PDB file of N, CA and C in Angstrom:
ATOM      1  N   MET A   1      12.566  18.679  20.803  1.00  0.00           N
ATOM      2  CA  MET A   1      13.129  18.367  19.507  1.00  0.00           C
ATOM      3  C   MET A   1      13.930  17.052  19.430  1.00  0.00           C
ATOM      4  N   ALA A   2      14.662  16.596  20.973  1.00  0.00           N
ATOM      5  CA  ALA A   2      15.014  15.621  20.846  1.00  0.00           C
ATOM      6  C   ALA A   2      14.323  14.403  20.614  1.00  0.00           C
ATOM      7  N   PHE A   3      13.097  14.609  20.677  1.00  0.00           N
ATOM      8  CA  PHE A   3      12.126  13.382  20.665  1.00  0.00           C
ATOM      9  C   PHE A   3      11.762  13.162  19.300  1.00  0.00           C
ATOM     10  N   ILE A   4      11.708  14.288  18.497  1.00  0.00           N
ATOM     11  CA  ILE A   4      11.220  14.129  17.149  1.00  0.00           C
ATOM     12  C   ILE A   4      12.349  13.761  16.257  1.00  0.00           C
ATOM     13  N   HIS A   5      13.635  13.851  16.749  1.00  0.00           N
ATOM     14  CA  HIS A   5      14.820  13.501  16.060  1.00  0.00           C
ATOM     15  C   HIS A   5      15.129  11.557  15.950  1.00  0.00           C
ATOM     16  N   SER A   6      14.493  11.823  17.676  1.00  0.00           N
ATOM     17  CA  SER A   6      14.578  10.240  17.778  1.00  0.00           C
ATOM     18  C   SER A   6      13.253   9.347  17.275  1.00  0.00           C
ATOM     19  N   LEU A   7      12.232   9.853  17.466  1.00  0.00           N
ATOM     20  CA  LEU A   7      10.723   9.587  16.059  1.00  0.00           C
ATOM     21  C   LEU A   7      11.391   9.053  14.913  1.00  0.00           C
ATOM     22  N   LEU A   8      11.903  10.663  14.068  1.00  0.00           N
ATOM     23  CA  LEU A   8      12.416  10.327  12.586  1.00  0.00           C
ATOM     24  C   LEU A   8      13.441   8.905  12.439  1.00  0.00           C
ATOM     25  N   ARG A   9      14.575   8.863  13.469  1.00  0.00           N
ATOM     26  CA  ARG A   9      15.458   7.967  13.209  1.00  0.00           C
ATOM     27  C   ARG A   9      14.379   6.408  13.186  1.00  0.00           C
ATOM     28  N   VAL A  10      13.821   6.222  14.055  1.00  0.00           N
ATOM     29  CA  VAL A  10      13.165   4.771  14.269  1.00  0.00           C
ATOM     30  C   VAL A  10      12.337   4.678  12.985  1.00  0.00           C
ATOM     31  N   LEU A  11      11.750   5.872  12.561  1.00  0.00           N
ATOM     32  CA  LEU A  11      10.857   5.842  11.416  1.00  0.00           C
ATOM     33  C   LEU A  11      11.429   5.426   9.983  1.00  0.00           C
ATOM     34  N   ILE A  12      12.781   6.276  10.261  1.00  0.00           N
ATOM     35  CA  ILE A  12      13.672   5.622   9.316  1.00  0.00           C
ATOM     36  C   ILE A  12      14.105   4.147   9.125  1.00  0.00           C
ATOM     37  N   LEU A  13      14.683   3.656  10.039  1.00  0.00           N
ATOM     38  CA  LEU A  13      14.835   2.147  10.375  1.00  0.00           C
ATOM     39  C   LEU A  13      13.944   1.466  10.069  1.00  0.00           C
ATOM     40  N   CYS A  14      12.594   1.478  10.050  1.00  0.00           N
ATOM     41  CA  CYS A  14      11.577   0.956  10.028  1.00  0.00           C
ATOM     42  C   CYS A  14      11.220   0.761   8.653  1.00  0.00           C
ATOM     43  N   THR A  15      11.555   1.624   8.003  1.00  0.00           N
ATOM     44  CA  THR A  15      10.902   1.936   6.326  1.00  0.00           C
ATOM     45  C   THR A  15      12.265   0.899   6.212  1.00  0.00           C
ATOM     46  N   ALA A  16      13.320   1.565   6.291  1.00  0.00           N
ATOM     47  CA  ALA A  16      14.501   0.424   5.449  1.00  0.00           C
ATOM     48  C   ALA A  16      13.983  -0.861   6.171  1.00  0.00           C
ATOM     49  N   MET A  17      13.940  -1.480   6.984  1.00  0.00           N
ATOM     50  CA  MET A  17      13.475  -2.753   7.456  1.00  0.00           C
ATOM     51  C   MET A  17      12.320  -3.401   6.594  1.00  0.00           C
ATOM     52  N   LEU A  18      11.376  -2.535   6.301  1.00  0.00           N
ATOM     53  CA  LEU A  18      10.331  -3.128   5.568  1.00  0.00           C
ATOM     54  C   LEU A  18      10.806  -3.421   3.815  1.00  0.00           C
ATOM     55  N   GLY A  19      11.379  -2.403   3.439  1.00  0.00           N
ATOM     56  CA  GLY A  19      12.156  -2.645   2.384  1.00  0.00           C
ATOM     57  C   GLY A  19      12.664  -3.379   2.258  1.00  0.00           C
ATOM     58  N   ALA A  20      13.669  -3.600   3.005  1.00  0.00           N
ATOM     59  CA  ALA A  20      14.603  -5.115   2.912  1.00  0.00           C
ATOM     60  C   ALA A  20      13.638  -6.155   3.387  1.00  0.00           C
ATOM     61  N   VAL A  21      12.753  -6.377   3.887  1.00  0.00           N
ATOM     62  CA  VAL A  21      11.639  -7.512   3.906  1.00  0.00           C
ATOM     63  C   VAL A  21      11.136  -7.594   2.914  1.00  0.00           C
ATOM     64  N   ALA A  22      10.402  -6.724   2.066  1.00  0.00           N
ATOM     65  CA  ALA A  22       9.806  -6.994   0.708  1.00  0.00           C
ATOM     66  C   ALA A  22      10.895  -7.238  -0.510  1.00  0.00           C
ATOM     67  N   PHE A  23      12.356  -6.841  -0.140  1.00  0.00           N
ATOM     68  CA  PHE A  23      12.859  -7.202  -1.475  1.00  0.00           C
ATOM     69  C   PHE A  23      13.122  -8.904  -1.312  1.00  0.00           C
ATOM     70  N   LEU A  24      13.390  -9.254  -0.219  1.00  0.00           N
ATOM     71  CA  LEU A  24      13.985 -10.850   0.402  1.00  0.00           C
ATOM     72  C   LEU A  24      12.554 -11.543   0.060  1.00  0.00           C
ATOM     73  N   SER A  25      11.453 -11.142   0.150  1.00  0.00           N
ATOM     74  CA  SER A  25      10.187 -12.063  -0.136  1.00  0.00           C
ATOM     75  C   SER A  25      10.191 -11.640  -1.785  1.00  0.00           C
ATOM     76  N   ALA A  26      10.458 -11.198  -2.669  1.00  0.00           N
ATOM     77  CA  ALA A  26      10.289 -11.039  -4.052  1.00  0.00           C
ATOM     78  C   ALA A  26      11.133 -12.026  -4.403  1.00  0.00           C
ATOM     79  N   CYS A  27      12.498 -12.067  -3.524  1.00  0.00           N
ATOM     80  CA  CYS A  27      13.460 -12.672  -4.179  1.00  0.00           C
ATOM     81  C   CYS A  27      13.015 -14.484  -3.852  1.00  0.00           C
ATOM     82  N   GLY A  28      12.965 -14.855  -2.709  1.00  0.00           N
ATOM     83  CA  GLY A  28      12.225 -15.996  -1.909  1.00  0.00           C
ATOM     84  C   GLY A  28      11.092 -16.223  -3.320  1.00  0.00           C
ATOM     85  N   ASN A  29      10.166 -15.720  -3.466  1.00  0.00           N
ATOM     86  CA  ASN A  29       8.877 -16.223  -4.234  1.00  0.00           C
ATOM     87  C   ASN A  29       9.393 -16.405  -6.147  1.00  0.00           C
ATOM     88  N   SER A  30      10.817 -16.227  -6.627  1.00  0.00           N
ATOM     89  CA  SER A  30      11.196 -16.331  -7.300  1.00  0.00           C
ATOM     90  C   SER A  30      11.748 -17.717  -8.166  1.00  0.00           C
ATOM     91  N   VAL A  31      12.020 -18.302  -6.824  1.00  0.00           N
ATOM     92  CA  VAL A  31      12.504 -20.057  -6.426  1.00  0.00           C
ATOM     93  C   VAL A  31      11.394 -20.662  -6.503  1.00  0.00           C
ATOM     94  N   SER A  32      10.545 -20.761  -7.468  1.00  0.00           N
ATOM     95  CA  SER A  32       9.155 -21.461  -7.144  1.00  0.00           C
ATOM     96  C   SER A  32       9.122 -22.948  -8.274  1.00  0.00           C
ATOM     97  N   LEU A  33       8.135 -23.875  -8.042  1.00  0.00           N
ATOM     98  CA  LEU A  33       8.317 -24.455  -9.176  1.00  0.00           C
ATOM     99  C   LEU A  33       7.784 -24.306 -10.544  1.00  0.00           C
ATOM    100  N   GLU A  34       6.759 -23.205 -10.376  1.00  0.00           N
ATOM    101  CA  GLU A  34       6.225 -22.313 -11.789  1.00  0.00           C
ATOM    102  C   GLU A  34       7.481 -21.958 -12.571  1.00  0.00           C
ATOM    103  N   ASN A  35       8.286 -20.968 -12.213  1.00  0.00           N
ATOM    104  CA  ASN A  35       9.463 -20.788 -12.526  1.00  0.00           C
ATOM    105  C   ASN A  35      10.657 -21.818 -12.770  1.00  0.00           C
ATOM    106  N   TYR A  36      10.665 -22.477 -12.249  1.00  0.00           N
ATOM    107  CA  TYR A  36      11.858 -23.452 -12.526  1.00  0.00           C
ATOM    108  C   TYR A  36      11.194 -24.152 -13.826  1.00  0.00           C
ATOM    109  N   GLN A  37      10.054 -24.664 -13.994  1.00  0.00           N
ATOM    110  CA  GLN A  37       9.450 -25.286 -15.101  1.00  0.00           C
ATOM    111  C   GLN A  37       9.781 -24.275 -16.707  1.00  0.00           C
ATOM    112  N   ARG A  38       9.845 -22.640 -15.932  1.00  0.00           N
ATOM    113  CA  ARG A  38      10.301 -22.196 -17.390  1.00  0.00           C
ATOM    114  C   ARG A  38      11.368 -22.228 -17.773  1.00  0.00           C
ATOM    115  N   LEU A  39      12.487 -22.862 -17.079  1.00  0.00           N
ATOM    116  CA  LEU A  39      13.977 -22.434 -17.778  1.00  0.00           C
ATOM    117  C   LEU A  39      13.783 -23.825 -18.692  1.00  0.00           C
ATOM    118  N   LYS A  40      14.719 -23.787 -19.561  1.00  0.00           N
ATOM    119  CA  LYS A  40      15.252 -24.745 -20.254  1.00  0.00           C
ATOM    120  C   LYS A  40      16.417 -24.946 -21.082  1.00  0.00           C
ATOM    121  N   VAL A  41      16.966 -25.841 -20.899  1.00  0.00           N
ATOM    122  CA  VAL A  41      18.437 -25.798 -21.904  1.00  0.00           C
ATOM    123  C   VAL A  41      18.398 -25.254 -22.777  1.00  0.00           C
ATOM    124  N   GLY A  42      19.732 -24.377 -23.028  1.00  0.00           N
ATOM    125  CA  GLY A  42      19.936 -23.941 -23.966  1.00  0.00           C
ATOM    126  C   GLY A  42      20.072 -22.208 -23.952  1.00  0.00           C
ATOM    127  N   GLN A  43      19.069 -22.041 -22.866  1.00  0.00           N
ATOM    128  CA  GLN A  43      18.704 -20.344 -22.240  1.00  0.00           C
ATOM    129  C   GLN A  43      20.014 -19.880 -21.875  1.00  0.00           C
ATOM    130  N   THR A  44      20.079 -18.616 -21.738  1.00  0.00           N
ATOM    131  CA  THR A  44      21.289 -17.928 -21.801  1.00  0.00           C
ATOM    132  C   THR A  44      21.375 -17.716 -20.572  1.00  0.00           C
ATOM    133  N   PHE A  45      22.208 -17.112 -19.414  1.00  0.00           N
ATOM    134  CA  PHE A  45      22.463 -16.708 -18.075  1.00  0.00           C
ATOM    135  C   PHE A  45      21.663 -15.465 -18.193  1.00  0.00           C
ATOM    136  N   ASP A  46      21.379 -14.449 -18.754  1.00  0.00           N
ATOM    137  CA  ASP A  46      21.154 -13.467 -18.646  1.00  0.00           C
ATOM    138  C   ASP A  46      19.394 -13.629 -18.706  1.00  0.00           C
ATOM    139  N   GLU A  47      18.963 -14.496 -19.907  1.00  0.00           N
ATOM    140  CA  GLU A  47      17.411 -15.088 -19.819  1.00  0.00           C
ATOM    141  C   GLU A  47      17.137 -16.041 -18.463  1.00  0.00           C
ATOM    142  N   VAL A  48      17.875 -16.493 -17.859  1.00  0.00           N
ATOM    143  CA  VAL A  48      17.704 -17.296 -16.605  1.00  0.00           C
ATOM    144  C   VAL A  48      17.268 -15.907 -15.354  1.00  0.00           C
ATOM    145  N   LYS A  49      18.376 -15.195 -15.360  1.00  0.00           N
ATOM    146  CA  LYS A  49      17.965 -13.953 -14.597  1.00  0.00           C
ATOM    147  C   LYS A  49      16.942 -13.177 -14.769  1.00  0.00           C
ATOM    148  N   GLN A  50      16.436 -13.232 -15.928  1.00  0.00           N
ATOM    149  CA  GLN A  50      14.809 -12.487 -16.274  1.00  0.00           C
ATOM    150  C   GLN A  50      13.910 -13.086 -15.601  1.00  0.00           C
ATOM    151  N   ILE A  51      14.042 -14.715 -14.943  1.00  0.00           N
ATOM    152  CA  ILE A  51      13.034 -15.548 -14.574  1.00  0.00           C
ATOM    153  C   ILE A  51      13.216 -15.347 -13.606  1.00  0.00           C
ATOM    154  N   ILE A  52      13.950 -15.750 -12.694  1.00  0.00           N
ATOM    155  CA  ILE A  52      14.570 -16.055 -11.375  1.00  0.00           C
ATOM    156  C   ILE A  52      15.413 -14.971 -10.660  1.00  0.00           C
ATOM    157  N   GLY A  53      15.814 -14.223 -11.265  1.00  0.00           N
ATOM    158  CA  GLY A  53      16.686 -12.997 -10.250  1.00  0.00           C
ATOM    159  C   GLY A  53      17.694 -13.045 -10.633  1.00  0.00           C
ATOM    160  N   GLU A  54      18.368 -12.549  -9.464  1.00  0.00           N
ATOM    161  CA  GLU A  54      20.083 -12.923  -9.399  1.00  0.00           C
ATOM    162  C   GLU A  54      20.481 -14.121  -8.946  1.00  0.00           C
ATOM    163  N   PRO A  55      21.148 -14.802  -8.505  1.00  0.00           N
ATOM    164  CA  PRO A  55      21.634 -15.757  -8.021  1.00  0.00           C
ATOM    165  C   PRO A  55      21.976 -15.855  -6.683  1.00  0.00           C
ATOM    166  N   SER A  56      21.994 -16.773  -5.960  1.00  0.00           N
ATOM    167  CA  SER A  56      22.824 -16.373  -4.626  1.00  0.00           C
ATOM    168  C   SER A  56      23.638 -16.615  -4.454  1.00  0.00           C
ATOM    169  N   ARG A  57      24.361 -17.576  -5.533  1.00  0.00           N
ATOM    170  CA  ARG A  57      25.939 -17.485  -5.440  1.00  0.00           C
ATOM    171  C   ARG A  57      26.562 -18.548  -6.653  1.00  0.00           C
ATOM    172  N   CYS A  58      27.342 -18.042  -7.341  1.00  0.00           N
ATOM    173  CA  CYS A  58      27.560 -18.017  -8.550  1.00  0.00           C
ATOM    174  C   CYS A  58      29.466 -19.166  -8.475  1.00  0.00           C
ATOM    175  N   ASP A  59      29.850 -19.985  -8.808  1.00  0.00           N
ATOM    176  CA  ASP A  59      31.290 -20.572  -8.785  1.00  0.00           C
ATOM    177  C   ASP A  59      31.419 -20.744 -10.312  1.00  0.00           C
ATOM    178  N   GLU A  60      32.682 -20.785 -10.744  1.00  0.00           N
ATOM    179  CA  GLU A  60      32.940 -21.359 -12.124  1.00  0.00           C
ATOM    180  C   GLU A  60      34.379 -21.863 -11.936  1.00  0.00           C
ATOM    181  N   THR A  61      34.269 -23.088 -12.719  1.00  0.00           N
ATOM    182  CA  THR A  61      35.277 -24.007 -12.552  1.00  0.00           C
ATOM    183  C   THR A  61      35.518 -24.750 -14.312  1.00  0.00           C
ATOM    184  N   LEU A  62      36.751 -24.530 -14.756  1.00  0.00           N
ATOM    185  CA  LEU A  62      37.047 -25.075 -16.427  1.00  0.00           C
ATOM    186  C   LEU A  62      36.159 -24.407 -17.082  1.00  0.00           C
ATOM    187  N   GLY A  63      35.479 -23.008 -16.862  1.00  0.00           N
ATOM    188  CA  GLY A  63      34.178 -22.535 -18.266  1.00  0.00           C
ATOM    189  C   GLY A  63      33.024 -23.087 -17.996  1.00  0.00           C
ATOM    190  N   VAL A  64      32.594 -23.763 -16.720  1.00  0.00           N
ATOM    191  CA  VAL A  64      31.342 -24.281 -16.422  1.00  0.00           C
ATOM    192  C   VAL A  64      31.103 -23.521 -15.282  1.00  0.00           C
ATOM    193  N   ARG A  65      29.472 -22.240 -15.229  1.00  0.00           N
ATOM    194  CA  ARG A  65      29.229 -21.687 -14.350  1.00  0.00           C
ATOM    195  C   ARG A  65      28.106 -22.593 -13.359  1.00  0.00           C
ATOM    196  N   ASN A  66      28.213 -22.824 -12.078  1.00  0.00           N
ATOM    197  CA  ASN A  66      27.281 -23.398 -11.380  1.00  0.00           C
ATOM    198  C   ASN A  66      26.637 -22.068 -10.437  1.00  0.00           C
ATOM    199  N   CYS A  67      25.485 -22.256 -10.712  1.00  0.00           N
ATOM    200  CA  CYS A  67      25.030 -21.075  -9.994  1.00  0.00           C
ATOM    201  C   CYS A  67      23.658 -21.695  -9.275  1.00  0.00           C
ATOM    202  N   VAL A  68      23.238 -21.072  -8.093  1.00  0.00           N
ATOM    203  CA  VAL A  68      22.346 -21.258  -7.065  1.00  0.00           C
ATOM    204  C   VAL A  68      21.250 -20.277  -6.699  1.00  0.00           C
ATOM    205  N   TRP A  69      19.989 -20.458  -6.999  1.00  0.00           N
ATOM    206  CA  TRP A  69      18.993 -19.571  -6.790  1.00  0.00           C
ATOM    207  C   TRP A  69      18.524 -19.793  -5.466  1.00  0.00           C
ATOM    208  N   GLY A  70      18.395 -19.467  -4.318  1.00  0.00           N
ATOM    209  CA  GLY A  70      17.380 -19.907  -3.244  1.00  0.00           C
ATOM    210  C   GLY A  70      18.141 -20.162  -2.112  1.00  0.00           C
ATOM    211  N   ASN A  71      17.730 -21.007  -1.019  1.00  0.00           N
ATOM    212  CA  ASN A  71      18.507 -21.285   0.343  1.00  0.00           C
ATOM    213  C   ASN A  71      18.820 -22.912   0.067  1.00  0.00           C
ATOM    214  N   THR A  72      18.751 -23.324   1.754  1.00  0.00           N
ATOM    215  CA  THR A  72      18.941 -24.868   2.272  1.00  0.00           C
ATOM    216  C   THR A  72      17.806 -25.426   1.992  1.00  0.00           C
ATOM    217  N   GLU A  73      16.566 -24.735   1.894  1.00  0.00           N
ATOM    218  CA  GLU A  73      15.487 -25.215   2.189  1.00  0.00           C
ATOM    219  C   GLU A  73      14.706 -25.490   1.141  1.00  0.00           C
ATOM    220  N   ARG A  74      14.597 -24.757  -0.088  1.00  0.00           N
ATOM    221  CA  ARG A  74      14.456 -24.761  -1.304  1.00  0.00           C
ATOM    222  C   ARG A  74      15.430 -24.095  -2.734  1.00  0.00           C
ATOM    223  N   SER A  75      15.974 -24.709  -3.481  1.00  0.00           N
ATOM    224  CA  SER A  75      16.347 -24.157  -4.324  1.00  0.00           C
ATOM    225  C   SER A  75      16.379 -24.536  -5.753  1.00  0.00           C
ATOM    226  N   ILE A  76      16.874 -23.693  -6.672  1.00  0.00           N
ATOM    227  CA  ILE A  76      17.375 -23.859  -8.007  1.00  0.00           C
ATOM    228  C   ILE A  76      18.721 -23.974  -8.468  1.00  0.00           C
ATOM    229  N   ARG A  77      19.002 -24.874  -9.113  1.00  0.00           N
ATOM    230  CA  ARG A  77      20.784 -25.020  -9.465  1.00  0.00           C
ATOM    231  C   ARG A  77      20.497 -24.656 -11.153  1.00  0.00           C
ATOM    232  N   VAL A  78      21.735 -24.293 -11.625  1.00  0.00           N
ATOM    233  CA  VAL A  78      21.649 -24.361 -13.128  1.00  0.00           C
ATOM    234  C   VAL A  78      23.015 -24.771 -13.321  1.00  0.00           C
ATOM    235  N   ASN A  79      23.568 -25.092 -14.183  1.00  0.00           N
ATOM    236  CA  ASN A  79      25.147 -25.472 -14.879  1.00  0.00           C
ATOM    237  C   ASN A  79      25.172 -24.236 -16.170  1.00  0.00           C
ATOM    238  N   PHE A  80      26.333 -23.787 -16.583  1.00  0.00           N
ATOM    239  CA  PHE A  80      26.436 -23.179 -17.708  1.00  0.00           C
ATOM    240  C   PHE A  80      27.534 -23.498 -18.251  1.00  0.00           C
ATOM    241  N   ALA A  81      27.307 -23.716 -19.423  1.00  0.00           N
ATOM    242  CA  ALA A  81      28.538 -23.675 -20.242  1.00  0.00           C
ATOM    243  C   ALA A  81      28.440 -23.098 -21.348  1.00  0.00           C
ATOM    244  N   LEU A  82      29.573 -22.124 -21.453  1.00  0.00           N
ATOM    245  CA  LEU A  82      29.571 -21.223 -22.929  1.00  0.00           C
ATOM    246  C   LEU A  82      28.186 -20.000 -22.631  1.00  0.00           C
ATOM    247  N   ASP A  83      28.097 -19.784 -21.429  1.00  0.00           N
ATOM    248  CA  ASP A  83      26.668 -18.962 -21.322  1.00  0.00           C
ATOM    249  C   ASP A  83      25.467 -19.434 -21.263  1.00  0.00           C
ATOM    250  N   LYS A  84      25.233 -20.819 -21.810  1.00  0.00           N
ATOM    251  CA  LYS A  84      24.564 -21.402 -22.066  1.00  0.00           C
ATOM    252  C   LYS A  84      24.075 -22.644 -20.856  1.00  0.00           C
ATOM    253  N   VAL A  85      22.927 -22.470 -20.792  1.00  0.00           N
ATOM    254  CA  VAL A  85      22.097 -23.682 -19.644  1.00  0.00           C
ATOM    255  C   VAL A  85      22.484 -25.079 -20.374  1.00  0.00           C
ATOM    256  N   LEU A  86      23.195 -25.737 -19.563  1.00  0.00           N
ATOM    257  CA  LEU A  86      23.340 -27.139 -19.897  1.00  0.00           C
ATOM    258  C   LEU A  86      22.727 -28.445 -18.635  1.00  0.00           C
ATOM    259  N   LEU A  87      22.665 -27.932 -17.305  1.00  0.00           N
ATOM    260  CA  LEU A  87      22.079 -28.589 -16.569  1.00  0.00           C
ATOM    261  C   LEU A  87      21.042 -28.108 -15.639  1.00  0.00           C
ATOM    262  N   LEU A  88      20.163 -28.452 -15.341  1.00  0.00           N
ATOM    263  CA  LEU A  88      18.948 -28.048 -14.572  1.00  0.00           C
ATOM    264  C   LEU A  88      18.551 -28.702 -13.442  1.00  0.00           C
ATOM    265  N   SER A  89      18.520 -28.890 -11.841  1.00  0.00           N
ATOM    266  CA  SER A  89      17.990 -29.007 -10.826  1.00  0.00           C
ATOM    267  C   SER A  89      17.459 -28.421  -9.733  1.00  0.00           C
ATOM    268  N   ALA A  90      16.731 -28.645  -9.014  1.00  0.00           N
ATOM    269  CA  ALA A  90      16.001 -28.144  -8.152  1.00  0.00           C
ATOM    270  C   ALA A  90      15.741 -29.043  -6.585  1.00  0.00           C
ATOM    271  N   ASP A  91      15.372 -28.359  -5.560  1.00  0.00           N
ATOM    272  CA  ASP A  91      15.228 -29.056  -4.382  1.00  0.00           C
ATOM    273  C   ASP A  91      13.929 -28.570  -3.580  1.00  0.00           C
ATOM    274  N   ASN A  92      12.780 -29.327  -3.321  1.00  0.00           N
ATOM    275  CA  ASN A  92      11.587 -28.672  -2.398  1.00  0.00           C
ATOM    276  C   ASN A  92      11.118 -27.530  -3.099  1.00  0.00           C
ATOM    277  N   LEU A  93      10.835 -27.855  -4.080  1.00  0.00           N
ATOM    278  CA  LEU A  93       9.920 -26.844  -4.643  1.00  0.00           C
ATOM    279  C   LEU A  93       8.628 -27.590  -4.807  1.00  0.00           C
ATOM    280  N   LYS A  94       7.624 -25.849  -4.943  1.00  0.00           N
ATOM    281  CA  LYS A  94       5.788 -26.298  -4.233  1.00  0.00           C
ATOM    282  C   LYS A  94       5.449 -25.570  -5.581  1.00  0.00           C
TER     283      LYS A  94
END
């Protein structure tokens, strides 16, 4: 019986890990040149999120929200003023 409980724990852990890998892969795929080219000045924060998902991080200073999607290898940076895209930039997109 202890063997079955151990086996179930391993199965649950593996399933959780596969789910996390799938989630992270999906997030990474949204940071692409194709999706970056879909972004336009004037879009809202919600419109950008529909295209490239949740940002990795956002900071806000003096009413300007600076958000980054991706990581140090490849990223999309978007600056919002009054909830609208003001500036766009990208690093190492293919």
